[in-house]
Amino acid sequence: MKFLKIFLIVIILLAVPVVVLAQEGVVKKTMADNIKGNIVAGAEYGAGYGSKPPDPRRIIENVIKVVLALVGTIFLVYTVVGGYWYITSHGEEDKAEQAMNTIRAAVIGLVIVLAAYSITIFVGSKVKEATTLEVQLTK
């Protein structure tokens, strides 16, 4: 416990100067400047009105990112649960084997998902190359 207190004090003492130095380059703007900047940005980008429909590739990319985040979370939960079961097995072979099987299944699932993601990225890049029209400019 004493080590934890000392560790936290050291981290806080190291972090305080960083926070203070981060405030050095702050540009002070008034509320009117912020509102004006938002209006200009909205006018520049059309504020979502009359803009093009979203690109299906971007939608699929975002879906893949969400699925990978979910899979990573599931992997972490299964690994922690398996580790807890292993620690609390107290030498009972059947509980220890169940815990190891849980951890093994989580790692295998993660490897399969990462392989599928790699294949998806590879195939997607090849499809993009095949469907993109490249025009060679000659002088």
C-alpha atoms as a PDB file:
ATOM      1  CA  MET A   1       0.000   0.000   0.000  1.00  0.00           C
ATOM      2  CA  LYS A   2       2.887   2.333   0.829  1.00  0.00           C
ATOM      3  CA  PHE A   3       4.408   1.643  -2.596  1.00  0.00           C
ATOM      4  CA  LEU A   4       1.101   2.558  -4.283  1.00  0.00           C
ATOM      5  CA  LYS A   5       0.917   5.884  -2.437  1.00  0.00           C
ATOM      6  CA  ILE A   6       4.492   6.761  -3.377  1.00  0.00           C
ATOM      7  CA  PHE A   7       3.874   5.724  -6.980  1.00  0.00           C
ATOM      8  CA  LEU A   8       0.751   7.917  -7.238  1.00  0.00           C
ATOM      9  CA  ILE A   9       2.550  10.905  -5.712  1.00  0.00           C
ATOM     10  CA  VAL A  10       5.413  10.557  -8.207  1.00  0.00           C
ATOM     11  CA  ILE A  11       2.996  10.283 -11.151  1.00  0.00           C
ATOM     12  CA  ILE A  12       1.086  13.374 -10.002  1.00  0.00           C
ATOM     13  CA  LEU A  13       4.295  15.355  -9.528  1.00  0.00           C
ATOM     14  CA  LEU A  14       5.448  14.378 -13.017  1.00  0.00           C
ATOM     15  CA  ALA A  15       2.080  15.152 -14.617  1.00  0.00           C
ATOM     16  CA  VAL A  16       1.511  18.614 -13.105  1.00  0.00           C
ATOM     17  CA  PRO A  17       4.254  20.395 -15.111  1.00  0.00           C
ATOM     18  CA  VAL A  18       2.920  18.847 -18.327  1.00  0.00           C
ATOM     19  CA  VAL A  19      -0.566  20.178 -17.644  1.00  0.00           C
ATOM     20  CA  VAL A  20       0.780  23.623 -16.825  1.00  0.00           C
ATOM     21  CA  LEU A  21       2.953  23.721 -19.955  1.00  0.00           C
ATOM     22  CA  ALA A  22       0.015  22.661 -22.089  1.00  0.00           C
ATOM     23  CA  GLN A  23      -1.729  25.953 -21.252  1.00  0.00           C
ATOM     24  CA  GLU A  24       1.106  28.074 -22.630  1.00  0.00           C
ATOM     25  CA  GLY A  25      -0.057  28.282 -26.246  1.00  0.00           C
ATOM     26  CA  VAL A  26      -3.759  28.827 -25.587  1.00  0.00           C
ATOM     27  CA  VAL A  27      -5.309  31.486 -27.812  1.00  0.00           C
ATOM     28  CA  LYS A  28      -8.046  33.383 -26.027  1.00  0.00           C
ATOM     29  CA  LYS A  29     -11.175  33.769 -28.117  1.00  0.00           C
ATOM     30  CA  THR A  30     -14.377  35.449 -27.239  1.00  0.00           C
ATOM     31  CA  MET A  31     -17.725  33.730 -27.501  1.00  0.00           C
ATOM     32  CA  ALA A  32     -18.510  35.842 -30.588  1.00  0.00           C
ATOM     33  CA  ASP A  33     -15.342  34.547 -32.299  1.00  0.00           C
ATOM     34  CA  ASN A  34     -16.347  30.963 -31.534  1.00  0.00           C
ATOM     35  CA  ILE A  35     -19.866  31.476 -32.913  1.00  0.00           C
ATOM     36  CA  LYS A  36     -18.509  33.189 -36.018  1.00  0.00           C
ATOM     37  CA  GLY A  37     -16.068  30.310 -36.567  1.00  0.00           C
ATOM     38  CA  ASN A  38     -18.872  27.763 -36.261  1.00  0.00           C
ATOM     39  CA  ILE A  39     -21.039  29.657 -38.738  1.00  0.00           C
ATOM     40  CA  VAL A  40     -18.185  29.853 -41.232  1.00  0.00           C
ATOM     41  CA  ALA A  41     -17.402  26.155 -40.808  1.00  0.00           C
ATOM     42  CA  GLY A  42     -21.075  25.254 -41.267  1.00  0.00           C
ATOM     43  CA  ALA A  43     -21.342  27.353 -44.408  1.00  0.00           C
ATOM     44  CA  GLU A  44     -18.117  25.899 -45.793  1.00  0.00           C
ATOM     45  CA  TYR A  45     -19.216  22.290 -45.357  1.00  0.00           C
ATOM     46  CA  GLY A  46     -22.879  22.834 -46.153  1.00  0.00           C
ATOM     47  CA  ALA A  47     -23.944  21.975 -42.600  1.00  0.00           C
ATOM     48  CA  GLY A  48     -25.076  18.594 -43.859  1.00  0.00           C
ATOM     49  CA  TYR A  49     -27.655  19.965 -46.279  1.00  0.00           C
ATOM     50  CA  GLY A  50     -27.359  19.078 -49.923  1.00  0.00           C
ATOM     51  CA  SER A  51     -24.174  17.179 -49.333  1.00  0.00           C
ATOM     52  CA  LYS A  52     -23.345  13.923 -51.067  1.00  0.00           C
ATOM     53  CA  PRO A  53     -24.635  10.677 -49.580  1.00  0.00           C
ATOM     54  CA  PRO A  54     -22.069   8.867 -47.441  1.00  0.00           C
ATOM     55  CA  ASP A  55     -19.601   6.632 -49.224  1.00  0.00           C
ATOM     56  CA  PRO A  56     -20.496   2.944 -48.701  1.00  0.00           C
ATOM     57  CA  ARG A  57     -16.820   2.113 -48.211  1.00  0.00           C
ATOM     58  CA  ARG A  58     -16.653   4.515 -45.254  1.00  0.00           C
ATOM     59  CA  ILE A  59     -19.794   2.993 -43.752  1.00  0.00           C
ATOM     60  CA  ILE A  60     -18.334  -0.518 -44.048  1.00  0.00           C
ATOM     61  CA  GLU A  61     -15.031   0.727 -42.612  1.00  0.00           C
ATOM     62  CA  ASN A  62     -16.830   2.187 -39.584  1.00  0.00           C
ATOM     63  CA  VAL A  63     -18.828  -1.015 -39.083  1.00  0.00           C
ATOM     64  CA  ILE A  64     -15.606  -3.065 -39.160  1.00  0.00           C
ATOM     65  CA  LYS A  65     -14.024  -0.739 -36.590  1.00  0.00           C
ATOM     66  CA  VAL A  66     -17.000  -1.116 -34.258  1.00  0.00           C
ATOM     67  CA  VAL A  67     -17.016  -4.902 -34.659  1.00  0.00           C
ATOM     68  CA  LEU A  68     -13.273  -5.084 -33.946  1.00  0.00           C
ATOM     69  CA  ALA A  69     -13.695  -2.954 -30.832  1.00  0.00           C
ATOM     70  CA  LEU A  70     -16.477  -5.272 -29.683  1.00  0.00           C
ATOM     71  CA  VAL A  71     -14.384  -8.366 -30.395  1.00  0.00           C
ATOM     72  CA  GLY A  72     -11.438  -6.870 -28.505  1.00  0.00           C
ATOM     73  CA  THR A  73     -13.676  -6.201 -25.528  1.00  0.00           C
ATOM     74  CA  ILE A  74     -15.076  -9.736 -25.629  1.00  0.00           C
ATOM     75  CA  PHE A  75     -11.533 -11.142 -25.845  1.00  0.00           C
ATOM     76  CA  LEU A  76     -10.485  -9.092 -22.828  1.00  0.00           C
ATOM     77  CA  VAL A  77     -13.523 -10.211 -20.800  1.00  0.00           C
ATOM     78  CA  TYR A  78     -13.007 -13.893 -21.636  1.00  0.00           C
ATOM     79  CA  THR A  79      -9.306 -13.665 -20.819  1.00  0.00           C
ATOM     80  CA  VAL A  80      -9.951 -11.986 -17.472  1.00  0.00           C
ATOM     81  CA  VAL A  81     -12.718 -14.463 -16.604  1.00  0.00           C
ATOM     82  CA  GLY A  82     -10.514 -17.411 -17.562  1.00  0.00           C
ATOM     83  CA  GLY A  83      -7.653 -16.009 -15.504  1.00  0.00           C
ATOM     84  CA  TYR A  84      -9.944 -15.509 -12.521  1.00  0.00           C
ATOM     85  CA  TRP A  85     -11.249 -19.055 -12.832  1.00  0.00           C
ATOM     86  CA  TYR A  86      -7.679 -20.344 -13.046  1.00  0.00           C
ATOM     87  CA  ILE A  87      -6.574 -18.421  -9.969  1.00  0.00           C
ATOM     88  CA  THR A  88      -9.605 -19.494  -7.950  1.00  0.00           C
ATOM     89  CA  SER A  89      -9.403 -23.163  -8.963  1.00  0.00           C
ATOM     90  CA  HIS A  90      -7.162 -23.867  -5.933  1.00  0.00           C
ATOM     91  CA  GLY A  91      -5.573 -26.861  -7.591  1.00  0.00           C
ATOM     92  CA  GLU A  92      -8.796 -28.526  -8.751  1.00  0.00           C
ATOM     93  CA  GLU A  93      -7.937 -30.044 -12.106  1.00  0.00           C
ATOM     94  CA  ASP A  94     -11.392 -29.736 -13.700  1.00  0.00           C
ATOM     95  CA  LYS A  95     -11.729 -26.020 -12.847  1.00  0.00           C
ATOM     96  CA  ALA A  96      -8.169 -25.281 -13.968  1.00  0.00           C
ATOM     97  CA  GLU A  97      -8.793 -27.134 -17.253  1.00  0.00           C
ATOM     98  CA  GLN A  98     -12.033 -25.194 -17.807  1.00  0.00           C
ATOM     99  CA  ALA A  99     -10.179 -21.924 -17.207  1.00  0.00           C
ATOM    100  CA  MET A 100      -7.391 -22.856 -19.620  1.00  0.00           C
ATOM    101  CA  ASN A 101      -9.964 -23.877 -22.236  1.00  0.00           C
ATOM    102  CA  THR A 102     -11.668 -20.492 -21.859  1.00  0.00           C
ATOM    103  CA  ILE A 103      -8.408 -18.599 -22.313  1.00  0.00           C
ATOM    104  CA  ARG A 104      -7.401 -20.843 -25.224  1.00  0.00           C
ATOM    105  CA  ALA A 105     -10.779 -20.301 -26.940  1.00  0.00           C
ATOM    106  CA  ALA A 106     -10.485 -16.526 -26.488  1.00  0.00           C
ATOM    107  CA  VAL A 107      -7.021 -16.440 -28.069  1.00  0.00           C
ATOM    108  CA  ILE A 108      -8.080 -18.695 -30.956  1.00  0.00           C
ATOM    109  CA  GLY A 109     -11.144 -16.508 -31.563  1.00  0.00           C
ATOM    110  CA  LEU A 110      -9.000 -13.387 -31.587  1.00  0.00           C
ATOM    111  CA  VAL A 111      -6.569 -14.935 -34.088  1.00  0.00           C
ATOM    112  CA  ILE A 112      -9.453 -15.955 -36.375  1.00  0.00           C
ATOM    113  CA  VAL A 113     -11.000 -12.471 -36.242  1.00  0.00           C
ATOM    114  CA  LEU A 114      -7.674 -10.756 -36.941  1.00  0.00           C
ATOM    115  CA  ALA A 115      -7.027 -13.110 -39.866  1.00  0.00           C
ATOM    116  CA  ALA A 116     -10.491 -12.353 -41.249  1.00  0.00           C
ATOM    117  CA  TYR A 117      -9.833  -8.625 -40.854  1.00  0.00           C
ATOM    118  CA  SER A 118      -6.507  -8.949 -42.676  1.00  0.00           C
ATOM    119  CA  ILE A 119      -8.154 -10.842 -45.532  1.00  0.00           C
ATOM    120  CA  THR A 120     -10.907  -8.221 -45.710  1.00  0.00           C
ATOM    121  CA  ILE A 121      -8.385  -5.392 -45.931  1.00  0.00           C
ATOM    122  CA  PHE A 122      -6.392  -7.229 -48.605  1.00  0.00           C
ATOM    123  CA  VAL A 123      -9.454  -8.040 -50.731  1.00  0.00           C
ATOM    124  CA  GLY A 124     -10.788  -4.506 -50.263  1.00  0.00           C
ATOM    125  CA  SER A 125      -7.549  -2.971 -51.498  1.00  0.00           C
ATOM    126  CA  LYS A 126      -7.528  -5.245 -54.550  1.00  0.00           C
ATOM    127  CA  VAL A 127     -11.170  -4.418 -55.343  1.00  0.00           C
ATOM    128  CA  LYS A 128     -10.375  -0.717 -54.998  1.00  0.00           C
ATOM    129  CA  GLU A 129      -7.433  -1.083 -57.379  1.00  0.00           C
ATOM    130  CA  ALA A 130      -9.594  -2.947 -59.885  1.00  0.00           C
ATOM    131  CA  THR A 131     -12.504  -0.495 -59.778  1.00  0.00           C
ATOM    132  CA  THR A 132     -10.596   2.773 -59.656  1.00  0.00           C
ATOM    133  CA  LEU A 133     -10.020   4.384 -63.004  1.00  0.00           C
ATOM    134  CA  GLU A 134      -6.544   5.808 -63.169  1.00  0.00           C
ATOM    135  CA  VAL A 135      -5.953   8.411 -65.821  1.00  0.00           C
ATOM    136  CA  GLN A 136      -2.372   8.912 -66.957  1.00  0.00           C
ATOM    137  CA  LEU A 137      -1.675  12.543 -67.746  1.00  0.00           C
ATOM    138  CA  THR A 138       0.728  13.069 -70.613  1.00  0.00           C
ATOM    139  CA  LYS A 139       2.475  16.307 -71.398  1.00  0.00           C
END
